Amino acid sequence: MSLRTLRRYGRVAGIRGLVSAAKGKLARTPTLLRMVRPGIRFPFFVRLPSTDVPAFEQIFIKQEYDFPVTRAPRTLVDPALGKWAFRTQARDDEESFGEIIHEVQGMTVDTIMREQGIDHIDVLKIDIEGSEREVFRDPSSWIDKVDTLIVELHERLKLGCNRSFYNGTNGFDDEWVRGENVYLTRSGGCVARRSA
């Protein structure tokens, strides 16, 4: 492990984190470390070593998602099941992003809303590793039904993501950047910009 990785594990979980990461590295399978945080009602587990560590750091140490909520949201995004950092590409896309691991059926936001019986989304978090270009190419069927967008743009992975996102998201009242996320909100929504 690099010195940077060791420091990160130390920041996240101290000596326990370093020991758990070493055990997981030796066993070649992540170990589970039980975490208790002030202000968090239930304990949770972090896999060490794994991508849970930078996610933990982003959420709890850098507090990139610490924003005022003016009312309790009714509808949020999927609870992040599965591994992250996979990228997708359309079968007919001329641009290649590496080896194809397996094919998946893509779904549009409006299809997800229709199939799940969702008519309005309070907070939509999107981190789709470059597919923002396709999702925001024509969001007219669903964008007006979203109060807050939290989007990680991946222009560095796929050219055109930023342009597609900004062209497709006119009509929001406020915008700010926190960490690697762009926040767009509408007046009267449940998310507000954090005061400086």
Protein backbone atom coordinates (compact mmCIF):
# COMPACT_ATOMS: atom_id res chain seq x y z
CA MET A 1 0.00 0.00 0.00
CA SER A 2 1.17 3.51 -0.74
CA LEU A 3 1.86 6.07 1.98
CA ARG A 4 -1.12 8.09 0.71
CA THR A 5 -3.41 5.07 1.11
CA LEU A 6 -2.10 4.39 4.61
CA ARG A 7 -2.74 8.01 5.61
CA ARG A 8 -6.28 7.81 4.23
CA TYR A 9 -7.01 4.63 6.22
CA GLY A 10 -5.57 6.27 9.31
CA ARG A 11 -7.81 9.33 8.85
CA VAL A 12 -10.87 7.16 8.35
CA ALA A 13 -10.44 4.67 11.19
CA GLY A 14 -7.14 5.24 12.99
CA ILE A 15 -5.05 2.26 14.04
CA ARG A 16 -8.07 -0.06 13.71
CA GLY A 17 -8.35 0.94 10.06
CA LEU A 18 -4.68 0.31 9.37
CA VAL A 19 -4.81 -3.11 11.05
CA SER A 20 -8.04 -4.11 9.25
CA ALA A 21 -6.67 -2.97 5.89
CA ALA A 22 -3.47 -4.97 6.44
CA LYS A 23 -5.50 -8.08 7.37
CA GLY A 24 -7.70 -7.66 4.31
CA LYS A 25 -4.69 -7.16 2.05
CA LEU A 26 -3.00 -10.30 3.41
CA ALA A 27 -6.19 -12.37 3.16
CA ARG A 28 -6.88 -10.91 -0.32
CA THR A 29 -10.43 -10.15 0.70
CA PRO A 30 -11.74 -7.04 2.46
CA THR A 31 -12.40 -7.16 6.18
CA LEU A 32 -15.40 -5.41 7.72
CA LEU A 33 -14.73 -2.65 10.21
CA ARG A 34 -17.67 -1.50 12.34
CA MET A 35 -17.96 2.29 12.40
CA VAL A 36 -19.86 4.51 14.82
CA ARG A 37 -20.13 8.20 14.01
CA PRO A 38 -21.49 11.07 16.12
CA GLY A 39 -24.86 12.14 14.81
CA ILE A 40 -25.39 8.87 12.90
CA ARG A 41 -28.09 6.81 14.56
CA PHE A 42 -26.93 3.33 13.53
CA PRO A 43 -23.44 1.84 13.21
CA PHE A 44 -22.33 0.71 9.76
CA PHE A 45 -19.45 -1.25 8.23
CA VAL A 46 -16.60 -0.19 5.97
CA ARG A 47 -14.79 -2.77 3.86
CA LEU A 48 -11.00 -2.53 4.18
CA PRO A 49 -9.28 -2.31 1.81
CA SER A 50 -11.89 -1.15 -0.67
CA THR A 51 -13.40 1.87 -2.37
CA ASP A 52 -15.51 2.36 0.77
CA VAL A 53 -12.58 4.31 2.24
CA PRO A 54 -12.54 7.23 -0.23
CA ALA A 55 -16.37 7.30 -0.14
CA PHE A 56 -16.27 7.47 3.67
CA GLU A 57 -13.69 10.26 3.50
CA GLN A 58 -15.77 12.19 0.94
CA ILE A 59 -18.96 11.91 3.02
CA PHE A 60 -17.82 12.08 6.65
CA ILE A 61 -14.44 13.83 6.65
CA LYS A 62 -14.72 16.30 3.75
CA GLN A 63 -18.50 16.53 4.34
CA GLU A 64 -19.24 17.02 0.64
CA TYR A 65 -22.90 16.11 1.17
CA ASP A 66 -23.41 18.25 4.26
CA PHE A 67 -26.05 20.71 3.12
CA PRO A 68 -29.14 22.19 4.78
CA VAL A 69 -32.38 20.34 4.15
CA THR A 70 -35.36 22.67 4.39
CA ARG A 71 -37.90 19.83 4.46
CA ALA A 72 -37.71 16.04 4.49
CA PRO A 73 -37.32 14.72 0.92
CA ARG A 74 -39.82 12.11 -0.26
CA THR A 75 -37.90 10.59 -3.17
CA LEU A 76 -34.09 10.09 -3.46
CA VAL A 77 -31.87 8.11 -5.77
CA ASP A 78 -30.99 4.38 -5.59
CA PRO A 79 -29.08 3.41 -2.40
CA ALA A 80 -25.85 2.69 -4.36
CA LEU A 81 -26.03 -1.07 -4.69
CA GLY A 82 -23.10 -2.85 -6.31
CA LYS A 83 -19.58 -1.80 -7.16
CA TRP A 84 -18.85 1.69 -8.38
CA ALA A 85 -16.61 3.03 -11.10
CA PHE A 86 -18.00 0.94 -13.96
CA ARG A 87 -18.52 2.85 -17.18
CA THR A 88 -21.05 2.15 -19.87
CA GLN A 89 -21.15 2.77 -23.56
CA ALA A 90 -23.82 2.27 -26.16
CA ARG A 91 -23.33 -0.77 -28.34
CA ASP A 92 -23.17 1.43 -31.44
CA ASP A 93 -20.85 4.03 -29.84
CA GLU A 94 -17.76 4.64 -31.97
CA GLU A 95 -15.73 5.63 -28.91
CA SER A 96 -14.32 2.69 -26.91
CA PHE A 97 -13.67 2.83 -23.16
CA GLY A 98 -11.78 -0.42 -22.78
CA GLU A 99 -12.68 -4.06 -22.44
CA ILE A 100 -16.37 -4.91 -22.31
CA ILE A 101 -17.04 -6.90 -19.16
CA HIS A 102 -20.72 -7.62 -19.76
CA GLU A 103 -23.78 -6.13 -21.39
CA VAL A 104 -26.52 -4.46 -19.37
CA GLN A 105 -29.89 -3.05 -20.32
CA GLY A 106 -29.79 0.74 -20.08
CA MET A 107 -32.76 2.63 -18.68
CA THR A 108 -33.74 6.25 -19.03
CA VAL A 109 -34.66 8.34 -15.99
CA ASP A 110 -38.24 8.69 -17.20
CA THR A 111 -38.50 4.90 -17.60
CA ILE A 112 -37.29 4.37 -14.03
CA MET A 113 -39.78 6.96 -12.77
CA ARG A 114 -42.65 5.36 -14.70
CA GLU A 115 -41.81 1.79 -13.65
CA GLN A 116 -41.39 2.78 -10.00
CA GLY A 117 -44.49 4.99 -9.93
CA ILE A 118 -42.47 8.15 -9.15
CA ASP A 119 -43.99 11.42 -10.33
CA HIS A 120 -41.54 13.78 -8.61
CA ILE A 121 -37.93 13.52 -7.36
CA ASP A 122 -36.75 15.73 -4.51
CA VAL A 123 -33.05 14.80 -4.82
CA LEU A 124 -31.47 13.01 -7.79
CA LYS A 125 -27.80 12.03 -7.30
CA ILE A 126 -26.06 11.01 -10.50
CA ASP A 127 -22.56 9.53 -10.65
CA ILE A 128 -22.48 7.46 -13.82
CA GLU A 129 -18.86 7.64 -14.97
CA GLY A 130 -19.31 9.56 -18.20
CA SER A 131 -22.83 8.58 -19.22
CA GLU A 132 -24.01 12.06 -18.24
CA ARG A 133 -23.49 12.90 -21.91
CA GLU A 134 -26.28 10.52 -22.93
CA VAL A 135 -28.59 11.07 -19.91
CA PHE A 136 -28.67 14.85 -20.34
CA ARG A 137 -28.75 14.87 -24.15
CA ASP A 138 -32.55 15.18 -23.99
CA PRO A 139 -33.92 15.18 -20.43
CA SER A 140 -37.10 17.06 -21.40
CA SER A 141 -39.41 14.22 -20.33
CA TRP A 142 -38.19 14.24 -16.70
CA ILE A 143 -35.97 17.22 -15.81
CA ASP A 144 -38.88 19.47 -14.73
CA LYS A 145 -39.92 16.80 -12.20
CA VAL A 146 -36.61 17.08 -10.27
CA ASP A 147 -36.04 19.69 -7.54
CA THR A 148 -32.35 19.04 -6.85
CA LEU A 149 -29.61 17.47 -8.95
CA ILE A 150 -26.29 16.40 -7.45
CA VAL A 151 -24.08 15.33 -10.33
CA GLU A 152 -20.46 14.28 -10.65
CA LEU A 153 -19.39 15.24 -14.17
CA HIS A 154 -16.80 13.09 -15.98
CA GLU A 155 -15.61 15.27 -18.84
CA ARG A 156 -12.12 13.79 -18.29
CA LEU A 157 -13.53 10.34 -19.11
CA LYS A 158 -15.86 11.27 -21.95
CA LEU A 159 -15.78 14.54 -23.86
CA GLY A 160 -19.13 16.27 -24.10
CA CYS A 161 -20.43 15.41 -20.61
CA ASN A 162 -20.27 19.00 -19.34
CA ARG A 163 -21.88 20.54 -22.43
CA SER A 164 -24.70 17.96 -22.44
CA PHE A 165 -25.34 18.48 -18.71
CA TYR A 166 -25.49 22.27 -18.85
CA ASN A 167 -27.54 22.33 -22.06
CA GLY A 168 -30.06 19.93 -20.52
CA THR A 169 -30.45 21.57 -17.12
CA ASN A 170 -31.73 25.08 -17.78
CA GLY A 171 -34.40 26.24 -15.35
CA PHE A 172 -32.74 25.57 -12.00
CA ASP A 173 -32.48 28.56 -9.67
CA ASP A 174 -29.15 27.96 -7.93
CA GLU A 175 -25.87 26.21 -8.71
CA TRP A 176 -22.78 25.50 -6.66
CA VAL A 177 -19.90 23.06 -6.59
CA ARG A 178 -18.86 21.11 -3.52
CA GLY A 179 -16.01 18.65 -3.85
CA GLU A 180 -16.50 16.82 -7.14
CA ASN A 181 -20.25 17.42 -7.34
CA VAL A 182 -22.30 20.09 -9.09
CA TYR A 183 -25.50 20.99 -7.22
CA LEU A 184 -28.50 22.44 -9.05
CA THR A 185 -31.60 23.37 -7.03
CA ARG A 186 -34.99 24.92 -7.59
CA SER A 187 -36.61 27.45 -5.27
CA GLY A 188 -38.90 25.69 -2.84
CA GLY A 189 -36.94 22.43 -3.04
CA CYS A 190 -35.70 20.61 0.05
CA VAL A 191 -31.97 21.36 -0.45
CA ALA A 192 -30.37 24.75 0.10
CA ARG A 193 -26.89 26.10 -0.43
CA ARG A 194 -24.77 25.92 2.72
CA SER A 195 -23.98 29.36 4.12
CA ALA A 196 -20.32 30.40 3.89
